[in-house]
Amino acid sequence: KYYSTGKETKDYPVVVLQNSGSASASELFTAAM
């Protein structure tokens, strides 16, 4: 397991926009968010 190295967690909402061309590292980003 790999953990964030951040010092704080943001408190505002985020929406991730993706499509069928979103792959690999962008999917990792989306899954974590």
PDB file of all heavy atoms in Angstrom:
ATOM      1  N   LYS A   1       0.840  -1.192   0.000  1.00  0.00           N
ATOM      2  CA  LYS A   1       0.000   0.000   0.000  1.00  0.00           C
ATOM      3  C   LYS A   1       0.880   1.249   0.000  1.00  0.00           C
ATOM      4  O   LYS A   1       1.888   1.305   0.705  1.00  0.00           O
ATOM      5  CB  LYS A   1      -0.909   0.025   1.236  1.00  0.00           C
ATOM      6  CG  LYS A   1      -2.018  -1.006   1.219  1.00  0.00           C
ATOM      7  CD  LYS A   1      -2.914  -0.863   2.449  1.00  0.00           C
ATOM      8  CE  LYS A   1      -4.051  -1.882   2.417  1.00  0.00           C
ATOM      9  NZ  LYS A   1      -4.923  -1.745   3.611  1.00  0.00           N
ATOM     10  N   TYR A   2       0.483   2.244  -0.784  1.00  0.00           N
ATOM     11  CA  TYR A   2       1.212   3.505  -0.839  1.00  0.00           C
ATOM     12  C   TYR A   2       0.311   4.639  -0.348  1.00  0.00           C
ATOM     13  O   TYR A   2      -0.837   4.759  -0.775  1.00  0.00           O
ATOM     14  CB  TYR A   2       1.694   3.787  -2.262  1.00  0.00           C
ATOM     15  CG  TYR A   2       2.823   2.867  -2.676  1.00  0.00           C
ATOM     16  CD1 TYR A   2       2.550   1.605  -3.190  1.00  0.00           C
ATOM     17  CD2 TYR A   2       4.150   3.248  -2.513  1.00  0.00           C
ATOM     18  CE1 TYR A   2       3.581   0.742  -3.551  1.00  0.00           C
ATOM     19  CE2 TYR A   2       5.187   2.398  -2.876  1.00  0.00           C
ATOM     20  CZ  TYR A   2       4.891   1.141  -3.392  1.00  0.00           C
ATOM     21  OH  TYR A   2       5.924   0.302  -3.731  1.00  0.00           O
ATOM     22  N   TYR A   3       0.865   5.437   0.544  1.00  0.00           N
ATOM     23  CA  TYR A   3       0.102   6.498   1.192  1.00  0.00           C
ATOM     24  C   TYR A   3       0.490   7.866   0.641  1.00  0.00           C
ATOM     25  O   TYR A   3       1.598   8.060   0.126  1.00  0.00           O
ATOM     26  CB  TYR A   3       0.338   6.471   2.697  1.00  0.00           C
ATOM     27  CG  TYR A   3      -0.297   5.293   3.402  1.00  0.00           C
ATOM     28  CD1 TYR A   3       0.307   4.038   3.381  1.00  0.00           C
ATOM     29  CD2 TYR A   3      -1.501   5.431   4.090  1.00  0.00           C
ATOM     30  CE1 TYR A   3      -0.265   2.954   4.022  1.00  0.00           C
ATOM     31  CE2 TYR A   3      -2.078   4.352   4.735  1.00  0.00           C
ATOM     32  CZ  TYR A   3      -1.469   3.122   4.696  1.00  0.00           C
ATOM     33  OH  TYR A   3      -2.053   2.042   5.326  1.00  0.00           O
ATOM     34  N   SER A   4      -0.416   8.796   0.797  1.00  0.00           N
ATOM     35  CA  SER A   4      -0.129  10.181   0.441  1.00  0.00           C
ATOM     36  C   SER A   4       1.006  10.698   1.323  1.00  0.00           C
ATOM     37  O   SER A   4       1.200  10.232   2.445  1.00  0.00           O
ATOM     38  CB  SER A   4      -1.387  11.034   0.646  1.00  0.00           C
ATOM     39  OG  SER A   4      -1.073  12.408   0.628  1.00  0.00           O
ATOM     40  N   THR A   5       1.742  11.662   0.805  1.00  0.00           N
ATOM     41  CA  THR A   5       2.795  12.305   1.599  1.00  0.00           C
ATOM     42  C   THR A   5       2.382  13.723   1.997  1.00  0.00           C
ATOM     43  O   THR A   5       3.201  14.503   2.487  1.00  0.00           O
ATOM     44  CB  THR A   5       4.110  12.365   0.797  1.00  0.00           C
ATOM     45  OG1 THR A   5       3.892  13.089  -0.431  1.00  0.00           O
ATOM     46  CG2 THR A   5       4.620  10.971   0.486  1.00  0.00           C
ATOM     47  N   GLY A   6       1.108  14.060   1.786  1.00  0.00           N
ATOM     48  CA  GLY A   6       0.610  15.400   2.074  1.00  0.00           C
ATOM     49  C   GLY A   6       0.482  15.700   3.556  1.00  0.00           C
ATOM     50  O   GLY A   6       0.442  14.796   4.395  1.00  0.00           O
ATOM     51  N   LYS A   7       0.387  16.972   3.865  1.00  0.00           N
ATOM     52  CA  LYS A   7       0.287  17.417   5.259  1.00  0.00           C
ATOM     53  C   LYS A   7      -1.148  17.726   5.674  1.00  0.00           C
ATOM     54  O   LYS A   7      -1.450  17.814   6.862  1.00  0.00           O
ATOM     55  CB  LYS A   7       1.161  18.659   5.472  1.00  0.00           C
ATOM     56  CG  LYS A   7       2.651  18.404   5.258  1.00  0.00           C
ATOM     57  CD  LYS A   7       3.470  19.677   5.478  1.00  0.00           C
ATOM     58  CE  LYS A   7       4.952  19.419   5.264  1.00  0.00           C
ATOM     59  NZ  LYS A   7       5.759  20.660   5.451  1.00  0.00           N
ATOM     60  N   GLU A   8      -2.031  17.922   4.684  1.00  0.00           N
ATOM     61  CA  GLU A   8      -3.403  18.258   5.007  1.00  0.00           C
ATOM     62  C   GLU A   8      -4.346  17.682   3.962  1.00  0.00           C
ATOM     63  O   GLU A   8      -3.921  17.291   2.873  1.00  0.00           O
ATOM     64  CB  GLU A   8      -3.592  19.781   5.074  1.00  0.00           C
ATOM     65  CG  GLU A   8      -3.328  20.476   3.741  1.00  0.00           C
ATOM     66  CD  GLU A   8      -3.664  21.962   3.768  1.00  0.00           C
ATOM     67  OE1 GLU A   8      -4.356  22.388   4.708  1.00  0.00           O
ATOM     68  OE2 GLU A   8      -3.230  22.676   2.836  1.00  0.00           O
ATOM     69  N   THR A   9      -5.631  17.638   4.312  1.00  0.00           N
ATOM     70  CA  THR A   9      -6.661  17.184   3.378  1.00  0.00           C
ATOM     71  C   THR A   9      -7.564  18.368   3.047  1.00  0.00           C
ATOM     72  O   THR A   9      -8.063  19.047   3.945  1.00  0.00           O
ATOM     73  CB  THR A   9      -7.499  16.050   3.993  1.00  0.00           C
ATOM     74  OG1 THR A   9      -6.632  14.943   4.297  1.00  0.00           O
ATOM     75  CG2 THR A   9      -8.575  15.574   3.024  1.00  0.00           C
ATOM     76  N   LYS A  10      -7.723  18.643   1.755  1.00  0.00           N
ATOM     77  CA  LYS A  10      -8.558  19.756   1.332  1.00  0.00           C
ATOM     78  C   LYS A  10     -10.012  19.515   1.764  1.00  0.00           C
ATOM     79  O   LYS A  10     -10.445  18.370   1.942  1.00  0.00           O
ATOM     80  CB  LYS A  10      -8.520  19.917  -0.193  1.00  0.00           C
ATOM     81  CG  LYS A  10      -7.125  20.048  -0.793  1.00  0.00           C
ATOM     82  CD  LYS A  10      -6.453  21.352  -0.430  1.00  0.00           C
ATOM     83  CE  LYS A  10      -5.133  21.515  -1.183  1.00  0.00           C
ATOM     84  NZ  LYS A  10      -4.400  22.724  -0.783  1.00  0.00           N
ATOM     85  N   ASP A  11     -10.757  20.607   1.923  1.00  0.00           N
ATOM     86  CA  ASP A  11     -12.135  20.462   2.403  1.00  0.00           C
ATOM     87  C   ASP A  11     -13.174  20.886   1.361  1.00  0.00           C
ATOM     88  O   ASP A  11     -14.365  20.991   1.675  1.00  0.00           O
ATOM     89  CB  ASP A  11     -12.338  21.256   3.694  1.00  0.00           C
ATOM     90  CG  ASP A  11     -12.026  22.739   3.514  1.00  0.00           C
ATOM     91  OD1 ASP A  11     -11.659  23.140   2.385  1.00  0.00           O
ATOM     92  OD2 ASP A  11     -12.129  23.481   4.499  1.00  0.00           O
ATOM     93  N   TYR A  12     -12.738  21.126   0.117  1.00  0.00           N
ATOM     94  CA  TYR A  12     -13.712  21.516  -0.901  1.00  0.00           C
ATOM     95  C   TYR A  12     -14.006  20.336  -1.839  1.00  0.00           C
ATOM     96  O   TYR A  12     -13.161  19.437  -2.010  1.00  0.00           O
ATOM     97  CB  TYR A  12     -13.244  22.735  -1.699  1.00  0.00           C
ATOM     98  CG  TYR A  12     -11.848  22.657  -2.269  1.00  0.00           C
ATOM     99  CD1 TYR A  12     -11.564  21.900  -3.410  1.00  0.00           C
ATOM    100  CD2 TYR A  12     -10.797  23.378  -1.690  1.00  0.00           C
ATOM    101  CE1 TYR A  12     -10.301  21.849  -3.943  1.00  0.00           C
ATOM    102  CE2 TYR A  12      -9.522  23.335  -2.221  1.00  0.00           C
ATOM    103  CZ  TYR A  12      -9.280  22.567  -3.354  1.00  0.00           C
ATOM    104  OH  TYR A  12      -8.005  22.516  -3.874  1.00  0.00           O
ATOM    105  N   PRO A  13     -15.197  20.317  -2.465  1.00  0.00           N
ATOM    106  CA  PRO A  13     -15.563  19.209  -3.341  1.00  0.00           C
ATOM    107  C   PRO A  13     -14.808  19.236  -4.667  1.00  0.00           C
ATOM    108  O   PRO A  13     -14.461  20.314  -5.179  1.00  0.00           O
ATOM    109  CB  PRO A  13     -17.059  19.405  -3.560  1.00  0.00           C
ATOM    110  CG  PRO A  13     -17.276  20.863  -3.372  1.00  0.00           C
ATOM    111  CD  PRO A  13     -16.296  21.290  -2.316  1.00  0.00           C
ATOM    112  N   VAL A  14     -14.556  18.049  -5.199  1.00  0.00           N
ATOM    113  CA  VAL A  14     -13.871  17.902  -6.482  1.00  0.00           C
ATOM    114  C   VAL A  14     -14.652  16.933  -7.360  1.00  0.00           C
ATOM    115  O   VAL A  14     -15.148  15.905  -6.880  1.00  0.00           O
ATOM    116  CB  VAL A  14     -12.424  17.376  -6.289  1.00  0.00           C
ATOM    117  CG1 VAL A  14     -11.791  17.030  -7.642  1.00  0.00           C
ATOM    118  CG2 VAL A  14     -11.576  18.401  -5.549  1.00  0.00           C
ATOM    119  N   VAL A  15     -14.762  17.263  -8.640  1.00  0.00           N
ATOM    120  CA  VAL A  15     -15.348  16.369  -9.636  1.00  0.00           C
ATOM    121  C   VAL A  15     -14.269  16.044 -10.660  1.00  0.00           C
ATOM    122  O   VAL A  15     -13.580  16.945 -11.151  1.00  0.00           O
ATOM    123  CB  VAL A  15     -16.560  17.016 -10.334  1.00  0.00           C
ATOM    124  CG1 VAL A  15     -17.046  16.136 -11.496  1.00  0.00           C
ATOM    125  CG2 VAL A  15     -17.692  17.232  -9.337  1.00  0.00           C
ATOM    126  N   VAL A  16     -14.090  14.755 -10.951  1.00  0.00           N
ATOM    127  CA  VAL A  16     -13.122  14.340 -11.962  1.00  0.00           C
ATOM    128  C   VAL A  16     -13.876  13.995 -13.240  1.00  0.00           C
ATOM    129  O   VAL A  16     -14.847  13.233 -13.220  1.00  0.00           O
ATOM    130  CB  VAL A  16     -12.290  13.132 -11.494  1.00  0.00           C
ATOM    131  CG1 VAL A  16     -11.304  12.710 -12.588  1.00  0.00           C
ATOM    132  CG2 VAL A  16     -11.533  13.456 -10.210  1.00  0.00           C
ATOM    133  N   LEU A  17     -13.421  14.552 -14.345  1.00  0.00           N
ATOM    134  CA  LEU A  17     -14.043  14.341 -15.646  1.00  0.00           C
ATOM    135  C   LEU A  17     -13.172  13.384 -16.457  1.00  0.00           C
ATOM    136  O   LEU A  17     -11.988  13.643 -16.678  1.00  0.00           O
ATOM    137  CB  LEU A  17     -14.180  15.690 -16.358  1.00  0.00           C
ATOM    138  CG  LEU A  17     -14.989  15.778 -17.652  1.00  0.00           C
ATOM    139  CD1 LEU A  17     -16.375  15.170 -17.499  1.00  0.00           C
ATOM    140  CD2 LEU A  17     -15.082  17.236 -18.101  1.00  0.00           C
ATOM    141  N   GLN A  18     -13.748  12.264 -16.909  1.00  0.00           N
ATOM    142  CA  GLN A  18     -12.985  11.251 -17.633  1.00  0.00           C
ATOM    143  C   GLN A  18     -13.768  10.752 -18.853  1.00  0.00           C
ATOM    144  O   GLN A  18     -14.952  11.013 -18.996  1.00  0.00           O
ATOM    145  CB  GLN A  18     -12.667  10.053 -16.723  1.00  0.00           C
ATOM    146  CG  GLN A  18     -13.912   9.271 -16.319  1.00  0.00           C
ATOM    147  CD  GLN A  18     -13.609   7.940 -15.642  1.00  0.00           C
ATOM    148  OE1 GLN A  18     -12.566   7.748 -15.020  1.00  0.00           O
ATOM    149  NE2 GLN A  18     -14.541   6.996 -15.744  1.00  0.00           N
ATOM    150  N   ASN A  19     -13.056  10.000 -19.729  1.00  0.00           N
ATOM    151  CA  ASN A  19     -13.715   9.327 -20.842  1.00  0.00           C
ATOM    152  C   ASN A  19     -12.961   8.037 -21.163  1.00  0.00           C
ATOM    153  O   ASN A  19     -12.059   7.640 -20.412  1.00  0.00           O
ATOM    154  CB  ASN A  19     -13.823  10.248 -22.065  1.00  0.00           C
ATOM    155  CG  ASN A  19     -12.454  10.637 -22.637  1.00  0.00           C
ATOM    156  OD1 ASN A  19     -11.408  10.178 -22.181  1.00  0.00           O
ATOM    157  ND2 ASN A  19     -12.477  11.484 -23.645  1.00  0.00           N
ATOM    158  N   SER A  20     -13.290   7.404 -22.266  1.00  0.00           N
ATOM    159  CA  SER A  20     -12.666   6.118 -22.613  1.00  0.00           C
ATOM    160  C   SER A  20     -11.197   6.270 -22.965  1.00  0.00           C
ATOM    161  O   SER A  20     -10.455   5.278 -23.013  1.00  0.00           O
ATOM    162  CB  SER A  20     -13.411   5.473 -23.787  1.00  0.00           C
ATOM    163  OG  SER A  20     -13.373   6.322 -24.923  1.00  0.00           O
ATOM    164  N   GLY A  21     -10.732   7.503 -23.216  1.00  0.00           N
ATOM    165  CA  GLY A  21      -9.322   7.741 -23.488  1.00  0.00           C
ATOM    166  C   GLY A  21      -8.495   7.997 -22.248  1.00  0.00           C
ATOM    167  O   GLY A  21      -7.277   8.144 -22.320  1.00  0.00           O
ATOM    168  N   SER A  22      -9.145   8.017 -21.090  1.00  0.00           N
ATOM    169  CA  SER A  22      -8.440   8.191 -19.807  1.00  0.00           C
ATOM    170  C   SER A  22      -7.877   6.835 -19.392  1.00  0.00           C
ATOM    171  O   SER A  22      -8.639   5.896 -19.152  1.00  0.00           O
ATOM    172  CB  SER A  22      -9.389   8.712 -18.731  1.00  0.00           C
ATOM    173  OG  SER A  22     -10.007   9.912 -19.148  1.00  0.00           O
ATOM    174  N   ALA A  23      -6.554   6.727 -19.309  1.00  0.00           N
ATOM    175  CA  ALA A  23      -5.954   5.417 -19.066  1.00  0.00           C
ATOM    176  C   ALA A  23      -4.784   5.486 -18.093  1.00  0.00           C
ATOM    177  O   ALA A  23      -4.189   6.544 -17.877  1.00  0.00           O
ATOM    178  CB  ALA A  23      -5.481   4.816 -20.393  1.00  0.00           C
ATOM    179  N   SER A  24      -4.510   4.325 -17.503  1.00  0.00           N
ATOM    180  CA  SER A  24      -3.306   4.126 -16.692  1.00  0.00           C
ATOM    181  C   SER A  24      -3.209   5.124 -15.536  1.00  0.00           C
ATOM    182  O   SER A  24      -4.026   5.107 -14.627  1.00  0.00           O
ATOM    183  CB  SER A  24      -2.074   4.202 -17.594  1.00  0.00           C
ATOM    184  OG  SER A  24      -0.924   3.753 -16.935  1.00  0.00           O
ATOM    185  N   ALA A  25      -2.201   6.009 -15.560  1.00  0.00           N
ATOM    186  CA  ALA A  25      -1.974   6.932 -14.445  1.00  0.00           C
ATOM    187  C   ALA A  25      -3.150   7.864 -14.216  1.00  0.00           C
ATOM    188  O   ALA A  25      -3.418   8.262 -13.080  1.00  0.00           O
ATOM    189  CB  ALA A  25      -0.700   7.744 -14.690  1.00  0.00           C
ATOM    190  N   SER A  26      -3.875   8.227 -15.282  1.00  0.00           N
ATOM    191  CA  SER A  26      -5.044   9.089 -15.093  1.00  0.00           C
ATOM    192  C   SER A  26      -6.161   8.325 -14.382  1.00  0.00           C
ATOM    193  O   SER A  26      -6.929   8.908 -13.607  1.00  0.00           O
ATOM    194  CB  SER A  26      -5.539   9.647 -16.431  1.00  0.00           C
ATOM    195  OG  SER A  26      -5.985   8.631 -17.281  1.00  0.00           O
ATOM    196  N   GLU A  27      -6.232   7.006 -14.611  1.00  0.00           N
ATOM    197  CA  GLU A  27      -7.209   6.182 -13.897  1.00  0.00           C
ATOM    198  C   GLU A  27      -6.813   6.032 -12.435  1.00  0.00           C
ATOM    199  O   GLU A  27      -7.673   6.001 -11.549  1.00  0.00           O
ATOM    200  CB  GLU A  27      -7.324   4.814 -14.563  1.00  0.00           C
ATOM    201  CG  GLU A  27      -7.977   4.865 -15.942  1.00  0.00           C
ATOM    202  CD  GLU A  27      -8.024   3.524 -16.623  1.00  0.00           C
ATOM    203  OE1 GLU A  27      -6.945   3.029 -17.015  1.00  0.00           O
ATOM    204  OE2 GLU A  27      -9.124   2.958 -16.778  1.00  0.00           O
ATOM    205  N   LEU A  28      -5.513   5.936 -12.180  1.00  0.00           N
ATOM    206  CA  LEU A  28      -5.036   5.864 -10.797  1.00  0.00           C
ATOM    207  C   LEU A  28      -5.403   7.155 -10.068  1.00  0.00           C
ATOM    208  O   LEU A  28      -5.857   7.112  -8.914  1.00  0.00           O
ATOM    209  CB  LEU A  28      -3.528   5.640 -10.780  1.00  0.00           C
ATOM    210  CG  LEU A  28      -2.878   5.344  -9.432  1.00  0.00           C
ATOM    211  CD1 LEU A  28      -1.651   4.450  -9.622  1.00  0.00           C
ATOM    212  CD2 LEU A  28      -2.465   6.613  -8.708  1.00  0.00           C
ATOM    213  N   PHE A  29      -5.212   8.288 -10.740  1.00  0.00           N
ATOM    214  CA  PHE A  29      -5.570   9.580 -10.152  1.00  0.00           C
ATOM    215  C   PHE A  29      -7.066   9.625  -9.830  1.00  0.00           C
ATOM    216  O   PHE A  29      -7.465  10.002  -8.723  1.00  0.00           O
ATOM    217  CB  PHE A  29      -5.208  10.706 -11.124  1.00  0.00           C
ATOM    218  CG  PHE A  29      -5.552  12.085 -10.636  1.00  0.00           C
ATOM    219  CD1 PHE A  29      -4.673  12.792  -9.838  1.00  0.00           C
ATOM    220  CD2 PHE A  29      -6.772  12.673 -10.963  1.00  0.00           C
ATOM    221  CE1 PHE A  29      -4.995  14.067  -9.376  1.00  0.00           C
ATOM    222  CE2 PHE A  29      -7.103  13.938 -10.512  1.00  0.00           C
ATOM    223  CZ  PHE A  29      -6.216  14.638  -9.715  1.00  0.00           C
ATOM    224  N   THR A  30      -7.882   9.217 -10.802  1.00  0.00           N
ATOM    225  CA  THR A  30      -9.335   9.238 -10.613  1.00  0.00           C
ATOM    226  C   THR A  30      -9.769   8.315  -9.488  1.00  0.00           C
ATOM    227  O   THR A  30     -10.590   8.682  -8.644  1.00  0.00           O
ATOM    228  CB  THR A  30     -10.052   8.829 -11.925  1.00  0.00           C
ATOM    229  OG1 THR A  30      -9.672   9.734 -12.964  1.00  0.00           O
ATOM    230  CG2 THR A  30     -11.558   8.860 -11.762  1.00  0.00           C
ATOM    231  N   ALA A  31      -9.219   7.094  -9.459  1.00  0.00           N
ATOM    232  CA  ALA A  31      -9.591   6.115  -8.435  1.00  0.00           C
ATOM    233  C   ALA A  31      -9.249   6.612  -7.034  1.00  0.00           C
ATOM    234  O   ALA A  31     -10.035   6.444  -6.092  1.00  0.00           O
ATOM    235  CB  ALA A  31      -8.885   4.789  -8.711  1.00  0.00           C
ATOM    236  N   ALA A  32      -8.064   7.227  -6.886  1.00  0.00           N
ATOM    237  CA  ALA A  32      -7.657   7.741  -5.576  1.00  0.00           C
ATOM    238  C   ALA A  32      -8.546   8.895  -5.140  1.00  0.00           C
ATOM    239  O   ALA A  32      -8.957   8.976  -3.973  1.00  0.00           O
ATOM    240  CB  ALA A  32      -6.197   8.177  -5.622  1.00  0.00           C
ATOM    241  N   MET A  33      -8.850   9.797  -6.062  1.00  0.00           N
ATOM    242  CA  MET A  33      -9.721  10.924  -5.726  1.00  0.00           C
ATOM    243  C   MET A  33     -11.128  10.437  -5.372  1.00  0.00           C
ATOM    244  O   MET A  33     -11.785  10.991  -4.487  1.00  0.00           O
ATOM    245  CB  MET A  33      -9.773  11.912  -6.885  1.00  0.00           C
ATOM    246  CG  MET A  33      -8.479  12.673  -7.139  1.00  0.00           C
ATOM    247  SD  MET A  33      -7.921  13.678  -5.731  1.00  0.00           S
ATOM    248  CE  MET A  33      -9.214  14.934  -5.660  1.00  0.00           C
TER     249      MET A  33
END
